[in-house]
Protein backbone atom coordinates (compact mmCIF):
# COMPACT_ATOMS: atom_id res chain seq x y z
CA MET A 1 49.77 44.87 17.30
CA ASN A 2 47.73 41.71 18.17
CA GLN A 3 45.14 43.06 20.54
CA GLU A 4 44.61 46.40 18.40
CA LEU A 5 43.66 44.53 15.54
CA LYS A 6 41.64 42.31 17.43
CA ASN A 7 39.65 45.48 19.18
CA LYS A 8 39.08 47.20 15.31
CA ILE A 9 37.47 44.08 14.41
CA LYS A 10 35.15 43.31 17.74
CA LYS A 11 34.20 47.27 17.08
CA LEU A 12 33.20 46.80 13.37
CA GLU A 13 31.31 43.58 14.05
CA GLN A 14 29.35 45.69 16.93
CA GLU A 15 28.53 48.58 14.40
CA MET A 16 27.37 45.59 12.31
CA GLN A 17 24.61 44.30 15.27
CA ASN A 18 23.14 48.00 15.34
CA PRO A 19 19.35 47.60 13.78
CA ASP A 20 19.82 50.95 11.82
CA PHE A 21 23.25 49.43 9.93
CA TRP A 22 21.82 49.02 6.79
CA GLN A 23 20.51 52.33 6.26
CA ASP A 24 23.33 54.36 5.31
CA LYS A 25 24.34 52.01 2.51
CA ASP A 26 27.64 53.65 1.81
CA ARG A 27 28.81 53.31 5.67
CA ALA A 28 27.61 49.69 5.42
CA ARG A 29 29.93 49.04 2.34
CA LYS A 30 32.79 50.76 3.68
CA VAL A 31 32.49 48.75 7.22
CA LEU A 32 32.10 45.50 5.22
CA LYS A 33 35.03 46.10 2.93
CA ASP A 34 37.17 47.22 6.26
CA LEU A 35 36.45 44.17 8.33
CA ASN A 36 37.22 41.84 5.42
CA ALA A 37 40.41 43.57 5.03
CA LEU A 38 41.28 43.12 8.74
CA LYS A 39 40.25 39.76 9.06
CA GLU A 40 42.20 39.01 5.91
CA LYS A 41 45.60 40.67 7.81
CA GLU A 42 44.26 38.92 11.02
CA LYS A 43 44.53 35.83 9.04
CA GLU A 44 47.75 36.40 7.47
CA LYS A 45 49.68 37.26 10.60
CA PHE A 46 48.68 34.57 12.35
CA LYS A 47 49.12 32.17 9.29
CA TYR A 48 52.22 30.33 11.09
CA ASP A 49 51.37 30.35 14.75
CA LYS A 50 50.91 26.57 14.38
CA GLY A 51 53.90 25.79 12.99
CA ASP A 52 57.44 25.16 14.21
CA ALA A 53 60.01 27.94 14.62
CA VAL A 54 63.96 28.83 13.62
CA LEU A 55 65.81 30.94 16.32
CA ALA A 56 68.88 32.74 15.96
CA LEU A 57 70.86 34.38 18.87
CA PHE A 58 73.78 36.81 18.07
CA ALA A 59 75.89 38.35 20.61
CA GLY A 60 75.74 42.36 20.90
CA ALA A 61 77.61 45.00 22.51
CA GLY A 62 79.58 43.83 25.78
CA GLY A 63 82.13 41.33 24.26
CA ASP A 64 83.06 38.46 26.26
CA ASP A 65 79.80 38.97 28.42
CA SER A 66 77.56 39.15 25.31
CA GLU A 67 78.85 35.98 23.78
CA ASP A 68 78.58 34.24 27.23
CA TRP A 69 74.63 35.54 27.31
CA VAL A 70 73.81 34.20 23.95
CA ARG A 71 74.86 30.84 25.53
CA ILE A 72 72.50 31.46 28.51
CA LEU A 73 70.19 32.31 26.59
CA PHE A 74 70.35 29.56 24.24
CA GLU A 75 70.10 27.51 27.59
CA MET A 76 67.10 29.25 28.45
CA TYR A 77 65.44 28.77 25.91
CA ARG A 78 66.33 24.98 25.59
CA LYS A 79 64.81 24.31 28.82
CA PHE A 80 61.54 26.11 28.10
CA SER A 81 61.27 23.79 25.15
CA GLU A 82 62.06 21.03 27.10
CA ARG A 83 59.26 21.84 29.36
CA LYS A 84 56.85 22.02 26.38
CA GLY A 85 57.95 18.75 25.18
CA TRP A 86 59.62 20.35 21.91
CA GLU A 87 62.51 19.38 20.05
CA ILE A 88 65.57 21.38 19.63
CA ARG A 89 68.21 21.16 16.72
CA ILE A 90 70.78 23.22 16.55
CA LEU A 91 71.47 24.16 12.30
CA HIS A 92 74.67 26.65 13.19
CA GLU A 93 76.91 27.71 15.72
CA HIS A 94 79.98 30.09 15.55
CA LYS A 95 81.64 29.57 19.25
CA ALA A 96 83.81 31.60 21.02
CA THR A 97 86.84 30.07 22.36
CA ALA A 98 87.80 32.76 24.93
CA SER A 99 84.52 33.42 26.49
CA GLY A 100 83.10 30.08 26.21
CA GLY A 101 80.05 31.29 24.68
CA TYR A 102 78.65 31.93 21.22
CA LYS A 103 79.31 34.81 18.79
CA ASN A 104 75.95 33.40 17.24
CA ILE A 105 73.87 30.20 17.02
CA THR A 106 70.71 29.10 15.16
CA PHE A 107 68.53 26.72 16.09
CA GLU A 108 65.15 25.01 15.09
CA VAL A 109 62.44 24.09 17.68
CA ARG A 110 59.82 21.83 16.74
CA GLY A 111 56.50 20.99 18.46
CA SER A 112 54.89 17.49 19.17
CA PRO A 113 52.18 17.07 16.71
CA PRO A 114 49.16 17.96 16.91
CA ALA A 115 49.72 20.57 19.49
CA GLY A 116 52.63 22.42 17.57
CA GLY A 117 52.44 26.01 17.89
CA VAL A 118 55.91 26.73 18.50
CA TYR A 119 56.47 30.07 16.59
CA GLY A 120 52.95 31.45 18.10
CA GLU A 121 54.53 31.09 21.38
CA LEU A 122 58.13 32.28 20.77
CA LYS A 123 57.19 34.95 17.87
CA ASN A 124 57.26 38.03 20.35
CA GLU A 125 60.56 37.02 21.79
CA SER A 126 62.26 38.62 19.21
CA GLY A 127 64.32 41.42 19.85
CA VAL A 128 67.08 42.88 22.19
CA HIS A 129 67.86 40.94 25.64
CA ARG A 130 69.91 43.05 27.82
CA LEU A 131 71.94 41.89 30.89
CA VAL A 132 73.40 43.50 33.98
CA ARG A 133 75.63 41.54 36.33
CA VAL A 134 79.23 41.22 37.78
CA SER A 135 81.36 40.22 35.06
CA PRO A 136 82.74 36.69 35.40
CA PHE A 137 85.62 37.99 33.09
CA SER A 138 86.54 41.03 34.95
CA ALA A 139 89.49 40.52 37.21
CA LYS A 140 88.18 43.55 39.13
CA LYS A 141 84.65 41.78 39.54
CA LEU A 142 83.08 45.28 37.99
CA ARG A 143 79.64 45.39 37.07
CA HIS A 144 79.00 44.92 33.53
CA THR A 145 75.93 45.48 31.29
CA SER A 146 75.81 42.87 27.56
CA PHE A 147 73.06 42.23 24.84
CA ALA A 148 71.62 39.91 22.62
CA LEU A 149 69.60 40.13 19.63
CA LEU A 150 67.09 37.18 19.08
CA GLU A 151 65.29 36.63 15.86
CA VAL A 152 62.29 33.86 15.47
CA ILE A 153 61.29 33.35 12.10
CA PRO A 154 58.71 30.76 11.26
CA LYS A 155 59.76 27.13 10.06
CA PHE A 156 57.19 26.12 7.49
CA ILE A 157 56.33 28.09 4.09
CA VAL A 158 53.40 26.79 2.01
CA PRO A 159 54.88 25.12 -1.18
CA GLY A 160 55.35 27.68 -3.86
CA GLU A 161 54.25 30.86 -2.13
CA ILE A 162 58.05 31.79 -2.16
CA GLU A 163 59.65 31.42 -5.27
CA ILE A 164 63.59 31.84 -5.56
CA ASP A 165 65.10 32.40 -9.01
CA GLU A 166 68.60 30.77 -9.26
CA LYS A 167 70.39 33.57 -10.20
CA ASP A 168 69.80 35.71 -7.33
CA VAL A 169 71.58 33.15 -5.22
CA ARG A 170 75.01 32.73 -4.34
CA ILE A 171 75.99 29.58 -2.77
CA GLU A 172 79.27 28.98 -0.55
CA LEU A 173 80.24 25.80 0.55
CA SER A 174 82.86 25.28 3.81
CA LYS A 175 84.39 22.59 5.98
CA ALA A 176 82.12 21.05 8.59
CA SER A 177 83.23 18.77 11.02
CA GLY A 178 83.05 15.00 10.70
CA PRO A 179 81.56 12.47 12.69
CA GLY A 180 82.94 12.53 16.39
CA GLY A 181 83.80 16.24 15.88
CA GLN A 182 87.55 15.73 15.23
CA ASN A 183 89.43 18.36 13.82
CA VAL A 184 91.24 16.26 11.52
CA ASN A 185 88.41 14.87 9.93
CA LYS A 186 86.54 17.79 7.82
CA ARG A 187 84.55 17.93 5.08
CA GLU A 188 83.27 20.45 2.52
CA THR A 189 79.27 20.00 3.58
CA ALA A 190 78.32 23.38 5.52
CA VAL A 191 76.07 25.60 3.29
CA ARG A 192 75.52 28.97 3.36
CA ILE A 193 72.94 30.61 0.44
CA VAL A 194 73.10 34.30 0.16
CA HIS A 195 69.92 35.86 -1.32
CA ILE A 196 71.55 38.73 -3.67
CA PRO A 197 68.98 41.11 -4.05
CA THR A 198 68.25 41.79 -0.09
CA ASN A 199 71.42 40.01 0.97
CA ILE A 200 69.70 38.02 3.20
CA SER A 201 71.56 34.65 3.93
CA ALA A 202 71.37 30.98 5.74
CA HIS A 203 73.75 28.87 6.91
CA VAL A 204 73.12 25.43 7.75
CA ALA A 205 76.09 22.83 8.78
CA SER A 206 73.91 20.12 10.76
CA GLU A 207 73.36 17.56 8.15
CA ARG A 208 75.93 14.65 6.69
CA SER A 209 75.68 15.56 3.20
CA GLN A 210 76.08 18.93 1.28
CA GLN A 211 72.79 18.35 -0.31
CA GLN A 212 70.82 17.82 2.76
CA ASN A 213 72.50 21.00 4.14
CA LYS A 214 71.54 22.92 0.99
CA GLU A 215 68.09 21.89 1.18
CA ARG A 216 67.73 22.92 4.77
CA ALA A 217 69.42 26.49 4.06
CA MET A 218 67.07 27.26 1.30
CA GLU A 219 64.20 26.51 3.29
CA LEU A 220 65.44 28.62 6.06
CA LEU A 221 65.93 31.24 3.53
CA LYS A 222 62.40 31.16 2.25
CA SER A 223 61.37 31.66 5.64
CA LYS A 224 63.40 35.16 6.01
CA LEU A 225 62.20 36.23 2.99
CA TYR A 226 58.80 35.35 3.97
CA LYS A 227 59.22 37.19 7.10
CA LEU A 228 60.76 40.16 4.67
CA ARG A 229 57.85 40.22 2.77
CA ILE A 230 54.97 40.34 5.35
CA SER A 231 56.91 43.04 7.05
CA GLN A 232 57.03 45.06 3.51
CA GLN A 233 53.36 44.39 3.29
CA GLU A 234 52.34 45.76 6.84
CA LYS A 235 54.65 48.60 6.04
CA GLU A 236 55.67 48.10 10.24
CA LYS A 237 58.38 50.31 11.77
CA GLU A 238 59.51 47.46 13.20
CA SER A 239 60.55 44.41 10.75
CA LEU A 240 59.73 40.92 11.89
CA MET A 241 63.19 40.40 10.60
CA ILE A 242 65.99 41.41 12.19
CA ASN A 243 66.64 45.03 11.53
CA LYS A 244 70.16 45.47 10.86
CA ASP A 245 70.20 48.90 11.72
CA VAL A 246 69.12 48.28 15.24
CA GLU A 247 72.19 47.09 17.23
CA ALA A 248 72.04 45.23 20.01
CA GLU A 249 72.83 47.94 22.78
CA TRP A 250 71.55 50.49 25.09
CA GLY A 251 68.46 51.70 23.97
CA HIS A 252 66.68 49.02 21.96
CA GLN A 253 66.19 46.18 24.64
CA ILE A 254 62.74 44.69 25.04
CA ARG A 255 63.65 42.63 28.44
CA SER A 256 66.14 43.08 30.87
CA TYR A 257 67.83 40.76 33.12
CA VAL A 258 69.44 42.31 36.41
CA PHE A 259 71.76 39.91 38.68
CA HIS A 260 73.36 43.03 40.54
CA PRO A 261 73.17 44.95 42.62
CA TYR A 262 69.31 43.20 42.41
CA LYS A 263 67.58 40.60 41.08
CA MET A 264 65.00 41.30 38.41
CA VAL A 265 63.75 40.37 35.05
CA LYS A 266 61.33 42.84 33.42
CA ASP A 267 59.60 43.01 30.33
CA HIS A 268 59.86 46.59 28.63
CA ARG A 269 56.86 46.00 26.67
CA THR A 270 54.24 44.64 28.76
CA GLU A 271 55.82 45.64 32.48
CA ILE A 272 55.88 42.10 33.42
CA GLU A 273 58.41 41.29 35.64
CA THR A 274 59.89 39.12 38.59
CA ASN A 275 62.36 38.72 41.14
CA ASP A 276 62.76 35.10 40.63
CA VAL A 277 65.80 35.31 38.28
CA ASP A 278 66.72 31.51 38.59
CA SER A 279 63.19 30.39 37.64
CA VAL A 280 63.36 32.50 34.41
CA LEU A 281 66.98 31.37 33.12
CA ASN A 282 65.42 27.46 33.69
CA GLY A 283 62.86 28.30 31.46
CA GLU A 284 59.78 29.63 33.23
CA LEU A 285 58.91 32.21 30.70
CA ASP A 286 55.16 31.44 30.48
CA GLU A 287 54.21 34.71 32.17
CA PHE A 288 56.14 36.65 29.80
CA ILE A 289 55.03 34.96 26.50
CA GLU A 290 51.15 35.03 27.49
CA ALA A 291 51.40 38.88 28.28
CA GLU A 292 53.38 39.34 24.71
CA LYS A 293 50.06 37.89 22.94
CA ASN A 294 48.13 41.03 23.66
CA ILE A 295 50.95 43.23 22.45
C-alpha cells in the first residue's frame, strides 16, 4: 500500500538521523540496505504514474443490468476525463444488443502534456464496482444488484523492458467495421494477440489498417505483461492485473453505487461516501481518487 511504503521509508530515515546511528555498524548497514530496497520499490511502483492509461470494463453478474452498468461507468470515466482535459479513444468494444450497453469495452485515456498523470490518478480504480437500483429491464420494477469489473493498466512501456518472443504469441484476425460503420463494408483488420504462456490477450480494432491494429495490440499486450511481472515481483495477494479468479459479484466490490431505496456512493476501502450520486456519475470522482492515493 502506498502509505505503508512511505511510512516505512520515513521511519528508517528518522532512525538514520539519530546521533548514535553509526555506533551499531551491523544495524546501520541493515537499515541502509532496507531503505535502498524500499526506495527502489517505491520508484518501481510509481514509475508509470505520469503516463497515460488503458481502461477495460467487463460486465459481471447481473445480465442486462450489468451490461448497462458498464455503459454508465464508461460514461462516468469519459466525463471525468473531459473535466481533466484528457482524451478518450476506444480501442475495442463488444456491444450488447438487448441492453444497449457493453459486454466489455477497452479504451485509452491520454493526458495533455506536460501534465499527463492519467495512470497515477486512475490506477486505484481497478476492481469490482457494484450497482443497486430499480432495474429498467424488469417489468415488475424490482430492485436489482449488478456488477462490473474495471482494469486499469499503464499505457507506456520503456522500450526493451518487455520482450515478447514471436513463438509465444498467436495472432487472430477478424472483421472490423469499415468507414461509416456499415455492416456491408467489413474488412479483416481487427487484431487479437494472445500470449500463449500466460493466456493474456489484447484486442484492437480502432485503426484503419491491420498493421496499425497489430502494433497497438502488441503495445497493449506488453503493458499487461508488465503489470503481471510487477505483481509477481511484489507477491501481492491482489494482482495489479484483473484476477480471473475474482468474479464481478458479491464480496469483491471496491465501491458501491446505490440508486434505490436511498442514494449513496461508498468506497469500501477508504470509507469515503456521498449522497450526491448524480455528481459522481457526471465524473466528479476527485474525492474518491484523492483518498485512494493513501491506500
